[in-house]
Amino acid sequence: MAKYYDINDIITEEESVSVIFQKAASGVGIDPSAEMDFIEAGSKVELPFWLAHELQLRQAVSVNVPPCFNQKTRLEIQADSASVDLRSRCPFFYEFGCKMAPICICLLILHANIQLPFQNFSHFNIFRTIGFLLLSAFKSRYKEVLTKAHTTSFEAGSKFWTILTKEEINFYETAQSAMTSFKKWRMGGARFQIASILRRKRKPTE
C-alpha cells in the first residue's frame, strides 16, 4: 500500500509488472476492446504494482520479475555500475526494488512448499538475488554520485544526471549543496565564532 501523502511512493506503485493469472477472473475489463470481460487462468497480463501485489496476496496471480531487475541489468551493474542507465529502466529503481523483494521472497517460499517449477534456473537466481542487486548497486553508485557532485562541472554533471534514479538525484543535489555551503564558509566570514556563553565577563574574585 502506497504512503497516502507521498507522491513518489504512489508513482512507484504505478510501475507495471507482468503477472500470470492462477485463477479465472470475470468482470475484470482490463482491455476495453476485448469481446469478453473475463480473464482465463494462465493468461499473462501487465498490471500496476499496487494491483498485482493485492492479487498476489490473494494467490490470484503470480508475479514475474520486472525487466529492470533481470539478469542483464545485474551483469551490467557488476561490470560497471556507475555507467548503467538506471533511470531508463526504472526512475524509482531502489524504491521499487524494496517493494518487489518481499514479493520475491514469498514466491520462493511458495515454490518451495508446493514444489512448483521455475521457468529456468536464471529466473530462480534473480528471485534470490534481487536484494543483493539493490545493495550492490546502491553501494557502488553512491560513492560515484558523491564524487561527481564534489568534482564535476555543471555541464558534465547535467549529462551524468540522465542516468541517475530519483533517489540518486536527491543525493547528488544534497552533496552539491553541502559542498557549496562549505566553500562559502571557507571563502568568507570568520572561521571560528566565540560562543555567547564565553563572551560573558567573569566576575572579579574577592
N, C-alpha and C. Protein backbone atom coordinates (compact mmCIF):
# COMPACT_ATOMS: atom_id res chain seq x y z
N MET A 1 0.85 -1.19 0.00
CA MET A 1 0.00 0.00 0.00
C MET A 1 0.88 1.24 0.00
N ALA A 2 0.60 2.15 -0.91
CA ALA A 2 1.41 3.36 -1.01
C ALA A 2 1.20 4.25 0.20
N LYS A 3 2.23 5.03 0.53
CA LYS A 3 2.09 6.03 1.57
C LYS A 3 1.13 7.09 1.04
N TYR A 4 0.11 7.39 1.80
CA TYR A 4 -1.03 8.15 1.30
C TYR A 4 -0.65 9.51 0.75
N TYR A 5 0.27 10.22 1.42
CA TYR A 5 0.61 11.58 1.01
C TYR A 5 1.95 11.66 0.27
N ASP A 6 2.55 10.55 -0.05
CA ASP A 6 3.85 10.54 -0.72
C ASP A 6 3.66 10.31 -2.21
N ILE A 7 3.78 11.38 -3.01
CA ILE A 7 3.54 11.26 -4.44
C ILE A 7 4.54 10.33 -5.11
N ASN A 8 5.80 10.33 -4.63
CA ASN A 8 6.81 9.44 -5.21
C ASN A 8 6.47 7.98 -4.97
N ASP A 9 5.95 7.68 -3.79
CA ASP A 9 5.56 6.31 -3.48
C ASP A 9 4.38 5.87 -4.34
N ILE A 10 3.47 6.78 -4.57
CA ILE A 10 2.31 6.47 -5.42
C ILE A 10 2.76 6.19 -6.85
N ILE A 11 3.68 7.03 -7.37
CA ILE A 11 4.19 6.82 -8.72
C ILE A 11 4.96 5.51 -8.82
N THR A 12 5.71 5.18 -7.76
CA THR A 12 6.46 3.93 -7.74
C THR A 12 5.53 2.73 -7.89
N GLU A 13 4.41 2.76 -7.20
CA GLU A 13 3.48 1.63 -7.24
C GLU A 13 2.66 1.58 -8.52
N GLU A 14 2.83 2.59 -9.38
CA GLU A 14 2.19 2.57 -10.70
C GLU A 14 3.05 1.84 -11.73
N GLU A 15 4.26 1.45 -11.35
CA GLU A 15 5.13 0.70 -12.26
C GLU A 15 4.43 -0.60 -12.68
N SER A 16 4.53 -0.91 -13.96
CA SER A 16 3.87 -2.11 -14.48
C SER A 16 4.70 -3.36 -14.19
N VAL A 17 4.01 -4.42 -13.85
CA VAL A 17 4.65 -5.72 -13.67
C VAL A 17 3.85 -6.76 -14.44
N SER A 18 4.54 -7.78 -14.89
CA SER A 18 3.89 -8.86 -15.62
C SER A 18 3.41 -9.93 -14.64
N VAL A 19 2.16 -10.33 -14.78
CA VAL A 19 1.59 -11.35 -13.89
C VAL A 19 0.94 -12.45 -14.72
N ILE A 20 0.80 -13.61 -14.11
CA ILE A 20 0.08 -14.73 -14.72
C ILE A 20 -1.07 -15.09 -13.80
N PHE A 21 -2.28 -15.04 -14.32
CA PHE A 21 -3.45 -15.35 -13.51
C PHE A 21 -3.49 -16.84 -13.19
N GLN A 22 -3.60 -17.16 -11.90
CA GLN A 22 -3.69 -18.55 -11.45
C GLN A 22 -5.14 -19.03 -11.44
N LYS A 23 -6.06 -18.07 -11.45
CA LYS A 23 -7.48 -18.39 -11.45
C LYS A 23 -8.17 -17.54 -12.51
N ALA A 24 -9.27 -18.04 -13.02
CA ALA A 24 -10.06 -17.24 -13.96
C ALA A 24 -10.71 -16.08 -13.22
N ALA A 25 -10.76 -14.94 -13.85
CA ALA A 25 -11.35 -13.75 -13.23
C ALA A 25 -12.37 -13.14 -14.18
N SER A 26 -13.59 -12.95 -13.69
CA SER A 26 -14.66 -12.38 -14.51
C SER A 26 -14.92 -10.94 -14.12
N GLY A 27 -15.40 -10.15 -15.08
CA GLY A 27 -15.72 -8.75 -14.82
C GLY A 27 -14.51 -7.88 -14.60
N VAL A 28 -13.37 -8.29 -15.12
CA VAL A 28 -12.14 -7.53 -14.91
C VAL A 28 -12.09 -6.31 -15.82
N GLY A 29 -12.35 -6.51 -17.10
CA GLY A 29 -12.39 -5.40 -18.03
C GLY A 29 -11.08 -4.66 -18.17
N ILE A 30 -9.96 -5.40 -18.22
CA ILE A 30 -8.65 -4.77 -18.35
C ILE A 30 -8.49 -4.15 -19.74
N ASP A 31 -8.95 -4.85 -20.77
CA ASP A 31 -8.83 -4.37 -22.14
C ASP A 31 -10.21 -3.96 -22.65
N PRO A 32 -10.47 -2.65 -22.82
CA PRO A 32 -11.80 -2.18 -23.26
C PRO A 32 -12.20 -2.71 -24.63
N SER A 33 -11.21 -3.05 -25.47
CA SER A 33 -11.51 -3.53 -26.82
C SER A 33 -11.79 -5.03 -26.87
N ALA A 34 -11.60 -5.72 -25.75
CA ALA A 34 -11.81 -7.16 -25.73
C ALA A 34 -13.30 -7.49 -25.79
N GLU A 35 -13.62 -8.60 -26.46
CA GLU A 35 -15.01 -9.02 -26.60
C GLU A 35 -15.54 -9.62 -25.30
N MET A 36 -14.67 -10.23 -24.51
CA MET A 36 -15.09 -10.86 -23.27
C MET A 36 -14.55 -10.07 -22.08
N ASP A 37 -15.31 -10.09 -20.97
CA ASP A 37 -14.89 -9.32 -19.79
C ASP A 37 -14.32 -10.22 -18.70
N PHE A 38 -13.71 -11.34 -19.11
CA PHE A 38 -13.07 -12.19 -18.10
C PHE A 38 -11.71 -12.64 -18.62
N ILE A 39 -10.87 -13.04 -17.67
CA ILE A 39 -9.52 -13.49 -17.99
C ILE A 39 -9.39 -14.95 -17.59
N GLU A 40 -8.89 -15.75 -18.50
CA GLU A 40 -8.73 -17.18 -18.23
C GLU A 40 -7.49 -17.43 -17.38
N ALA A 41 -7.51 -18.53 -16.65
CA ALA A 41 -6.34 -18.92 -15.87
C ALA A 41 -5.17 -19.18 -16.82
N GLY A 42 -4.00 -18.72 -16.44
CA GLY A 42 -2.83 -18.88 -17.28
C GLY A 42 -2.55 -17.69 -18.18
N SER A 43 -3.46 -16.72 -18.18
CA SER A 43 -3.27 -15.53 -19.02
C SER A 43 -2.18 -14.64 -18.44
N LYS A 44 -1.35 -14.10 -19.33
CA LYS A 44 -0.28 -13.19 -18.92
C LYS A 44 -0.72 -11.76 -19.18
N VAL A 45 -0.68 -10.92 -18.13
CA VAL A 45 -1.21 -9.56 -18.21
C VAL A 45 -0.24 -8.59 -17.53
N GLU A 46 -0.20 -7.36 -18.02
CA GLU A 46 0.56 -6.28 -17.38
C GLU A 46 -0.37 -5.51 -16.45
N LEU A 47 0.04 -5.38 -15.19
CA LEU A 47 -0.76 -4.67 -14.20
C LEU A 47 0.12 -3.70 -13.42
N PRO A 48 -0.46 -2.62 -12.88
CA PRO A 48 0.32 -1.76 -11.98
C PRO A 48 0.68 -2.54 -10.72
N PHE A 49 1.81 -2.20 -10.14
CA PHE A 49 2.31 -2.96 -9.00
C PHE A 49 1.29 -3.06 -7.87
N TRP A 50 0.62 -1.95 -7.54
CA TRP A 50 -0.29 -1.97 -6.39
C TRP A 50 -1.40 -2.99 -6.57
N LEU A 51 -1.89 -3.15 -7.81
CA LEU A 51 -2.94 -4.13 -8.06
C LEU A 51 -2.38 -5.55 -8.09
N ALA A 52 -1.22 -5.70 -8.73
CA ALA A 52 -0.59 -7.02 -8.79
C ALA A 52 -0.26 -7.53 -7.39
N HIS A 53 0.18 -6.63 -6.52
CA HIS A 53 0.52 -7.01 -5.15
C HIS A 53 -0.72 -7.52 -4.40
N GLU A 54 -1.82 -6.81 -4.52
CA GLU A 54 -3.05 -7.22 -3.84
C GLU A 54 -3.54 -8.57 -4.36
N LEU A 55 -3.48 -8.77 -5.66
CA LEU A 55 -3.92 -10.05 -6.24
C LEU A 55 -2.97 -11.18 -5.87
N GLN A 56 -1.69 -10.86 -5.75
CA GLN A 56 -0.72 -11.88 -5.36
C GLN A 56 -0.94 -12.34 -3.92
N LEU A 57 -1.31 -11.40 -3.04
CA LEU A 57 -1.60 -11.75 -1.65
C LEU A 57 -2.78 -12.70 -1.55
N ARG A 58 -3.70 -12.60 -2.50
CA ARG A 58 -4.87 -13.48 -2.53
C ARG A 58 -4.63 -14.73 -3.37
N GLN A 59 -3.37 -14.91 -3.80
CA GLN A 59 -2.96 -16.06 -4.62
C GLN A 59 -3.77 -16.16 -5.90
N ALA A 60 -4.17 -15.01 -6.42
CA ALA A 60 -4.90 -14.99 -7.69
C ALA A 60 -3.95 -14.90 -8.88
N VAL A 61 -2.76 -14.35 -8.64
CA VAL A 61 -1.77 -14.22 -9.71
C VAL A 61 -0.39 -14.56 -9.18
N SER A 62 0.51 -14.88 -10.09
CA SER A 62 1.93 -14.99 -9.76
C SER A 62 2.65 -13.85 -10.48
N VAL A 63 3.58 -13.23 -9.79
CA VAL A 63 4.25 -12.03 -10.31
C VAL A 63 5.61 -12.40 -10.90
N ASN A 64 5.87 -11.92 -12.10
CA ASN A 64 7.17 -12.11 -12.74
C ASN A 64 8.11 -10.97 -12.37
N VAL A 65 9.39 -11.26 -12.40
CA VAL A 65 10.38 -10.24 -12.08
C VAL A 65 10.38 -9.17 -13.18
N PRO A 66 10.27 -7.90 -12.83
CA PRO A 66 10.30 -6.82 -13.84
C PRO A 66 11.63 -6.80 -14.58
N PRO A 67 11.64 -6.35 -15.83
CA PRO A 67 12.87 -6.32 -16.63
C PRO A 67 14.00 -5.51 -16.00
N CYS A 68 13.66 -4.49 -15.20
CA CYS A 68 14.71 -3.65 -14.61
C CYS A 68 15.56 -4.40 -13.60
N PHE A 69 15.12 -5.58 -13.17
CA PHE A 69 15.90 -6.38 -12.22
C PHE A 69 16.37 -7.69 -12.84
N ASN A 70 16.40 -7.75 -14.16
CA ASN A 70 16.73 -9.01 -14.81
C ASN A 70 18.24 -9.29 -14.81
N GLN A 71 18.59 -10.42 -15.41
CA GLN A 71 19.98 -10.86 -15.43
C GLN A 71 20.89 -9.86 -16.14
N LYS A 72 20.40 -9.26 -17.21
CA LYS A 72 21.21 -8.30 -17.97
C LYS A 72 21.59 -7.10 -17.10
N THR A 73 20.62 -6.56 -16.38
CA THR A 73 20.90 -5.42 -15.51
C THR A 73 21.90 -5.79 -14.42
N ARG A 74 21.72 -6.97 -13.86
CA ARG A 74 22.63 -7.42 -12.80
C ARG A 74 24.06 -7.54 -13.30
N LEU A 75 24.25 -8.09 -14.49
CA LEU A 75 25.59 -8.24 -15.05
C LEU A 75 26.21 -6.89 -15.38
N GLU A 76 25.41 -5.96 -15.88
CA GLU A 76 25.92 -4.62 -16.20
C GLU A 76 26.36 -3.89 -14.93
N ILE A 77 25.60 -4.03 -13.86
CA ILE A 77 25.96 -3.39 -12.60
C ILE A 77 27.24 -3.99 -12.03
N GLN A 78 27.39 -5.30 -12.17
CA GLN A 78 28.62 -5.94 -11.71
C GLN A 78 29.83 -5.48 -12.51
N ALA A 79 29.64 -5.25 -13.81
CA ALA A 79 30.75 -4.85 -14.67
C ALA A 79 31.16 -3.39 -14.44
N ASP A 80 30.20 -2.48 -14.48
CA ASP A 80 30.50 -1.05 -14.31
C ASP A 80 29.22 -0.34 -13.87
N SER A 81 28.97 -0.35 -12.59
CA SER A 81 27.69 0.16 -12.08
C SER A 81 27.50 1.64 -12.36
N ALA A 82 28.59 2.42 -12.36
CA ALA A 82 28.47 3.87 -12.50
C ALA A 82 27.95 4.30 -13.86
N SER A 83 28.13 3.46 -14.88
CA SER A 83 27.71 3.84 -16.23
C SER A 83 26.36 3.27 -16.63
N VAL A 84 25.73 2.51 -15.76
CA VAL A 84 24.44 1.89 -16.09
C VAL A 84 23.33 2.93 -16.00
N ASP A 85 22.52 3.02 -17.04
CA ASP A 85 21.40 3.96 -17.07
C ASP A 85 20.21 3.35 -16.34
N LEU A 86 20.16 3.57 -15.03
CA LEU A 86 19.05 3.01 -14.24
C LEU A 86 17.77 3.81 -14.42
N ARG A 87 17.89 5.09 -14.76
CA ARG A 87 16.69 5.91 -14.89
C ARG A 87 15.79 5.39 -16.02
N SER A 88 16.39 4.98 -17.15
CA SER A 88 15.58 4.48 -18.26
C SER A 88 14.93 3.14 -17.92
N ARG A 89 15.55 2.38 -17.02
CA ARG A 89 14.97 1.11 -16.61
C ARG A 89 13.83 1.32 -15.62
N CYS A 90 14.09 2.18 -14.64
CA CYS A 90 13.06 2.49 -13.64
C CYS A 90 13.51 3.71 -12.84
N PRO A 91 12.81 4.85 -12.96
CA PRO A 91 13.22 6.06 -12.24
C PRO A 91 13.28 5.86 -10.73
N PHE A 92 12.44 4.96 -10.22
CA PHE A 92 12.43 4.67 -8.78
C PHE A 92 12.97 3.25 -8.55
N PHE A 93 14.17 3.02 -9.06
CA PHE A 93 14.77 1.69 -9.06
C PHE A 93 14.86 1.09 -7.67
N TYR A 94 15.39 1.84 -6.71
CA TYR A 94 15.60 1.31 -5.36
C TYR A 94 14.28 1.16 -4.61
N GLU A 95 13.42 2.16 -4.72
CA GLU A 95 12.13 2.10 -4.02
C GLU A 95 11.28 0.94 -4.55
N PHE A 96 11.28 0.79 -5.88
CA PHE A 96 10.51 -0.28 -6.50
C PHE A 96 11.10 -1.64 -6.14
N GLY A 97 12.42 -1.71 -6.10
CA GLY A 97 13.08 -2.96 -5.73
C GLY A 97 12.77 -3.38 -4.31
N CYS A 98 12.70 -2.39 -3.39
CA CYS A 98 12.36 -2.70 -2.00
C CYS A 98 10.93 -3.23 -1.87
N LYS A 99 10.07 -2.82 -2.77
CA LYS A 99 8.69 -3.32 -2.75
C LYS A 99 8.60 -4.71 -3.40
N MET A 100 9.46 -4.95 -4.39
CA MET A 100 9.44 -6.24 -5.08
C MET A 100 10.10 -7.34 -4.26
N ALA A 101 11.13 -7.00 -3.48
CA ALA A 101 11.90 -8.01 -2.75
C ALA A 101 11.03 -8.89 -1.85
N PRO A 102 10.13 -8.32 -1.02
CA PRO A 102 9.28 -9.19 -0.18
C PRO A 102 8.39 -10.12 -1.00
N ILE A 103 7.91 -9.65 -2.14
CA ILE A 103 7.08 -10.49 -3.00
C ILE A 103 7.90 -11.66 -3.53
N CYS A 104 9.14 -11.38 -3.91
CA CYS A 104 10.01 -12.44 -4.41
C CYS A 104 10.29 -13.49 -3.35
N ILE A 105 10.45 -13.04 -2.10
CA ILE A 105 10.68 -13.98 -1.00
C ILE A 105 9.46 -14.87 -0.81
N CYS A 106 8.28 -14.26 -0.86
CA CYS A 106 7.03 -15.04 -0.72
C CYS A 106 6.90 -16.06 -1.84
N LEU A 107 7.28 -15.67 -3.05
CA LEU A 107 7.19 -16.60 -4.18
C LEU A 107 8.18 -17.74 -4.03
N LEU A 108 9.36 -17.45 -3.49
CA LEU A 108 10.33 -18.51 -3.25
C LEU A 108 9.79 -19.54 -2.26
N ILE A 109 9.17 -19.05 -1.18
CA ILE A 109 8.59 -19.94 -0.18
C ILE A 109 7.46 -20.76 -0.78
N LEU A 110 6.63 -20.10 -1.59
CA LEU A 110 5.51 -20.79 -2.23
C LEU A 110 6.01 -21.90 -3.15
N HIS A 111 7.01 -21.59 -3.97
CA HIS A 111 7.54 -22.60 -4.88
C HIS A 111 8.20 -23.74 -4.12
N ALA A 112 8.83 -23.43 -2.99
CA ALA A 112 9.49 -24.46 -2.20
C ALA A 112 8.47 -25.38 -1.53
N ASN A 113 7.36 -24.79 -1.05
CA ASN A 113 6.35 -25.57 -0.33
C ASN A 113 5.54 -26.49 -1.23
N ILE A 114 5.15 -25.95 -2.40
CA ILE A 114 4.29 -26.76 -3.28
C ILE A 114 5.06 -27.29 -4.48
N GLN A 115 6.39 -27.04 -4.48
CA GLN A 115 7.29 -27.60 -5.48
C GLN A 115 6.87 -27.24 -6.90
N LEU A 116 6.55 -25.98 -7.11
CA LEU A 116 6.27 -25.51 -8.47
C LEU A 116 7.59 -25.27 -9.18
N PRO A 117 7.70 -25.68 -10.44
CA PRO A 117 8.96 -25.46 -11.16
C PRO A 117 9.10 -24.02 -11.63
N PHE A 118 10.31 -23.49 -11.54
CA PHE A 118 10.60 -22.19 -12.14
C PHE A 118 10.79 -22.39 -13.64
N GLN A 119 10.66 -21.30 -14.39
CA GLN A 119 10.84 -21.38 -15.84
C GLN A 119 12.26 -21.84 -16.17
N ASN A 120 13.23 -21.32 -15.45
CA ASN A 120 14.61 -21.75 -15.61
C ASN A 120 15.40 -21.34 -14.37
N PHE A 121 16.63 -21.82 -14.27
CA PHE A 121 17.44 -21.54 -13.09
C PHE A 121 17.76 -20.06 -12.98
N SER A 122 17.95 -19.39 -14.14
CA SER A 122 18.26 -17.96 -14.13
C SER A 122 17.13 -17.18 -13.47
N HIS A 123 15.89 -17.57 -13.76
CA HIS A 123 14.73 -16.90 -13.16
C HIS A 123 14.74 -17.08 -11.64
N PHE A 124 15.05 -18.28 -11.20
CA PHE A 124 15.13 -18.57 -9.77
C PHE A 124 16.25 -17.76 -9.11
N ASN A 125 17.38 -17.65 -9.81
CA ASN A 125 18.52 -16.93 -9.26
C ASN A 125 18.22 -15.45 -9.09
N ILE A 126 17.46 -14.85 -10.02
CA ILE A 126 17.09 -13.44 -9.92
C ILE A 126 16.21 -13.22 -8.70
N PHE A 127 15.27 -14.15 -8.45
CA PHE A 127 14.42 -14.04 -7.27
C PHE A 127 15.28 -14.00 -6.01
N ARG A 128 16.30 -14.82 -5.95
CA ARG A 128 17.13 -14.92 -4.75
C ARG A 128 18.01 -13.69 -4.56
N THR A 129 18.44 -13.07 -5.64
CA THR A 129 19.48 -12.05 -5.52
C THR A 129 18.98 -10.63 -5.72
N ILE A 130 17.70 -10.40 -5.79
CA ILE A 130 17.21 -9.04 -6.03
C ILE A 130 17.62 -8.09 -4.90
N GLY A 131 17.60 -8.58 -3.67
CA GLY A 131 18.04 -7.75 -2.54
C GLY A 131 19.52 -7.42 -2.64
N PHE A 132 20.32 -8.41 -3.00
CA PHE A 132 21.75 -8.18 -3.17
C PHE A 132 22.03 -7.22 -4.31
N LEU A 133 21.22 -7.31 -5.37
CA LEU A 133 21.38 -6.40 -6.51
C LEU A 133 21.18 -4.95 -6.08
N LEU A 134 20.14 -4.70 -5.30
CA LEU A 134 19.87 -3.35 -4.82
C LEU A 134 21.02 -2.83 -3.95
N LEU A 135 21.48 -3.67 -3.04
CA LEU A 135 22.56 -3.27 -2.14
C LEU A 135 23.85 -3.01 -2.89
N SER A 136 24.17 -3.89 -3.83
CA SER A 136 25.39 -3.75 -4.60
C SER A 136 25.37 -2.48 -5.45
N ALA A 137 24.24 -2.24 -6.12
CA ALA A 137 24.10 -1.05 -6.96
C ALA A 137 24.18 0.22 -6.12
N PHE A 138 23.52 0.22 -4.99
CA PHE A 138 23.50 1.42 -4.14
C PHE A 138 24.89 1.74 -3.62
N LYS A 139 25.59 0.74 -3.11
CA LYS A 139 26.91 0.97 -2.52
C LYS A 139 27.91 1.50 -3.54
N SER A 140 27.94 0.89 -4.71
CA SER A 140 28.93 1.30 -5.71
C SER A 140 28.57 2.63 -6.36
N ARG A 141 27.30 2.85 -6.64
CA ARG A 141 26.89 4.10 -7.30
C ARG A 141 26.86 5.28 -6.33
N TYR A 142 26.62 5.01 -5.06
CA TYR A 142 26.59 6.08 -4.05
C TYR A 142 27.93 6.80 -3.99
N LYS A 143 29.01 6.04 -4.01
CA LYS A 143 30.35 6.65 -3.98
C LYS A 143 30.59 7.48 -5.23
N GLU A 144 30.13 6.97 -6.37
CA GLU A 144 30.32 7.69 -7.63
C GLU A 144 29.51 8.98 -7.66
N VAL A 145 28.29 8.93 -7.14
CA VAL A 145 27.44 10.11 -7.09
C VAL A 145 28.07 11.21 -6.24
N LEU A 146 28.58 10.85 -5.07
CA LEU A 146 29.23 11.83 -4.20
C LEU A 146 30.48 12.42 -4.83
N THR A 147 31.27 11.57 -5.47
CA THR A 147 32.49 12.04 -6.12
C THR A 147 32.17 13.02 -7.24
N LYS A 148 31.21 12.67 -8.08
CA LYS A 148 30.81 13.55 -9.19
C LYS A 148 30.25 14.87 -8.66
N ALA A 149 29.47 14.80 -7.62
CA ALA A 149 28.84 16.01 -7.07
C ALA A 149 29.88 16.99 -6.55
N HIS A 150 31.00 16.48 -6.06
CA HIS A 150 32.04 17.34 -5.47
C HIS A 150 33.08 17.81 -6.47
N THR A 151 33.20 17.11 -7.61
CA THR A 151 34.31 17.41 -8.51
C THR A 151 33.91 17.76 -9.94
N THR A 152 32.67 17.50 -10.32
CA THR A 152 32.26 17.66 -11.72
C THR A 152 31.69 19.04 -11.99
N SER A 153 31.97 19.57 -13.18
CA SER A 153 31.40 20.86 -13.58
C SER A 153 29.91 20.72 -13.84
N PHE A 154 29.23 21.85 -13.95
CA PHE A 154 27.78 21.83 -14.14
C PHE A 154 27.40 21.13 -15.44
N GLU A 155 28.15 21.39 -16.53
CA GLU A 155 27.82 20.79 -17.82
C GLU A 155 27.97 19.27 -17.78
N ALA A 156 29.08 18.82 -17.22
CA ALA A 156 29.31 17.37 -17.12
C ALA A 156 28.32 16.74 -16.15
N GLY A 157 27.99 17.47 -15.09
CA GLY A 157 27.04 16.94 -14.12
C GLY A 157 25.66 16.77 -14.71
N SER A 158 25.27 17.67 -15.61
CA SER A 158 23.96 17.57 -16.24
C SER A 158 23.84 16.30 -17.07
N LYS A 159 24.93 15.93 -17.74
CA LYS A 159 24.92 14.69 -18.52
C LYS A 159 24.86 13.47 -17.59
N PHE A 160 25.57 13.55 -16.48
CA PHE A 160 25.58 12.44 -15.51
C PHE A 160 24.19 12.23 -14.92
N TRP A 161 23.45 13.31 -14.78
CA TRP A 161 22.09 13.23 -14.23
C TRP A 161 21.19 12.29 -15.02
N THR A 162 21.41 12.20 -16.32
CA THR A 162 20.49 11.47 -17.19
C THR A 162 20.43 9.97 -16.90
N ILE A 163 21.40 9.45 -16.17
CA ILE A 163 21.39 8.01 -15.87
C ILE A 163 21.04 7.73 -14.41
N LEU A 164 20.78 8.78 -13.63
CA LEU A 164 20.52 8.60 -12.21
C LEU A 164 19.04 8.38 -11.92
N THR A 165 18.77 7.62 -10.87
CA THR A 165 17.39 7.45 -10.40
C THR A 165 16.98 8.68 -9.60
N LYS A 166 15.72 8.75 -9.24
CA LYS A 166 15.23 9.88 -8.44
C LYS A 166 15.97 9.97 -7.11
N GLU A 167 16.19 8.84 -6.49
CA GLU A 167 16.89 8.80 -5.20
C GLU A 167 18.32 9.29 -5.34
N GLU A 168 18.99 8.87 -6.41
CA GLU A 168 20.38 9.28 -6.63
C GLU A 168 20.48 10.77 -6.95
N ILE A 169 19.50 11.31 -7.65
CA ILE A 169 19.48 12.75 -7.93
C ILE A 169 19.36 13.54 -6.63
N ASN A 170 18.56 13.04 -5.72
CA ASN A 170 18.44 13.70 -4.40
C ASN A 170 19.78 13.70 -3.68
N PHE A 171 20.50 12.58 -3.73
CA PHE A 171 21.83 12.51 -3.13
C PHE A 171 22.77 13.52 -3.78
N TYR A 172 22.72 13.56 -5.10
CA TYR A 172 23.61 14.44 -5.87
C TYR A 172 23.37 15.90 -5.49
N GLU A 173 22.11 16.30 -5.45
CA GLU A 173 21.77 17.69 -5.12
C GLU A 173 22.17 18.03 -3.68
N THR A 174 21.95 17.09 -2.77
CA THR A 174 22.32 17.31 -1.37
C THR A 174 23.83 17.46 -1.22
N ALA A 175 24.58 16.61 -1.93
CA ALA A 175 26.04 16.68 -1.86
C ALA A 175 26.56 17.99 -2.44
N GLN A 176 25.98 18.42 -3.55
CA GLN A 176 26.40 19.69 -4.15
C GLN A 176 26.08 20.87 -3.23
N SER A 177 24.92 20.83 -2.61
CA SER A 177 24.52 21.90 -1.70
C SER A 177 25.47 21.96 -0.50
N ALA A 178 25.84 20.80 0.01
CA ALA A 178 26.77 20.75 1.14
C ALA A 178 28.14 21.30 0.75
N MET A 179 28.60 20.96 -0.46
CA MET A 179 29.89 21.45 -0.92
C MET A 179 29.86 22.96 -1.13
N THR A 180 28.76 23.48 -1.68
CA THR A 180 28.62 24.92 -1.88
C THR A 180 28.65 25.66 -0.55
N SER A 181 27.96 25.14 0.44
CA SER A 181 27.95 25.76 1.77
C SER A 181 29.33 25.73 2.40
N PHE A 182 30.04 24.63 2.19
CA PHE A 182 31.39 24.50 2.75
C PHE A 182 32.34 25.52 2.12
N LYS A 183 32.26 25.67 0.79
CA LYS A 183 33.12 26.63 0.10
C LYS A 183 32.80 28.06 0.53
N LYS A 184 31.53 28.34 0.70
CA LYS A 184 31.12 29.68 1.15
C LYS A 184 31.68 29.96 2.54
N TRP A 185 31.65 28.97 3.39
CA TRP A 185 32.20 29.13 4.74
C TRP A 185 33.70 29.35 4.70
N ARG A 186 34.40 28.64 3.77
CA ARG A 186 35.85 28.78 3.67
C ARG A 186 36.26 30.13 3.13
N MET A 187 35.48 30.66 2.19
CA MET A 187 35.87 31.89 1.50
C MET A 187 35.54 33.17 2.26
N GLY A 188 34.52 33.17 3.07
CA GLY A 188 34.14 34.42 3.73
C GLY A 188 33.75 34.22 5.17
N GLY A 189 33.88 35.31 5.95
CA GLY A 189 33.46 35.27 7.34
C GLY A 189 34.52 34.69 8.24
N ALA A 190 34.30 34.85 9.49
CA ALA A 190 35.24 34.34 10.49
C ALA A 190 35.21 32.83 10.52
N ARG A 191 36.40 32.24 10.64
CA ARG A 191 36.47 30.78 10.71
C ARG A 191 35.82 30.26 11.98
N PHE A 192 36.11 30.93 13.07
CA PHE A 192 35.61 30.47 14.35
C PHE A 192 34.83 31.59 15.02
N GLN A 193 33.75 31.25 15.66
CA GLN A 193 32.94 32.21 16.37
C GLN A 193 32.93 31.84 17.85
N ILE A 194 33.13 32.87 18.68
CA ILE A 194 33.15 32.62 20.12
C ILE A 194 31.72 32.39 20.60
N ALA A 195 31.53 31.34 21.33
CA ALA A 195 30.21 31.05 21.86
C ALA A 195 29.76 32.17 22.79
N SER A 196 28.47 32.44 22.75
CA SER A 196 27.94 33.56 23.53
C SER A 196 28.22 33.42 25.02
N ILE A 197 28.25 32.20 25.49
CA ILE A 197 28.48 31.99 26.92
C ILE A 197 29.90 32.37 27.33
N LEU A 198 30.86 32.29 26.35
CA LEU A 198 32.24 32.63 26.65
C LEU A 198 32.48 34.13 26.63
N ARG A 199 31.55 34.87 26.02
CA ARG A 199 31.70 36.32 25.95
C ARG A 199 31.35 37.03 27.26
N ARG A 200 30.67 36.33 28.12
CA ARG A 200 30.29 36.95 29.39
C ARG A 200 31.53 37.20 30.26
N LYS A 201 31.57 38.37 30.86
CA LYS A 201 32.71 38.71 31.70
C LYS A 201 32.64 37.94 33.01
N ARG A 202 33.78 37.46 33.38
CA ARG A 202 33.84 36.75 34.65
C ARG A 202 33.80 37.75 35.79
N LYS A 203 33.08 37.40 36.82
CA LYS A 203 33.01 38.28 37.99
C LYS A 203 34.34 38.27 38.72
N PRO A 204 34.81 39.46 39.11
CA PRO A 204 36.10 39.50 39.84
C PRO A 204 35.99 38.78 41.18
N THR A 205 37.00 38.08 41.47
CA THR A 205 37.02 37.34 42.75
C THR A 205 37.56 38.24 43.84
N GLU A 206 37.05 38.13 45.02
CA GLU A 206 37.49 38.96 46.15
C GLU A 206 38.76 38.37 46.76
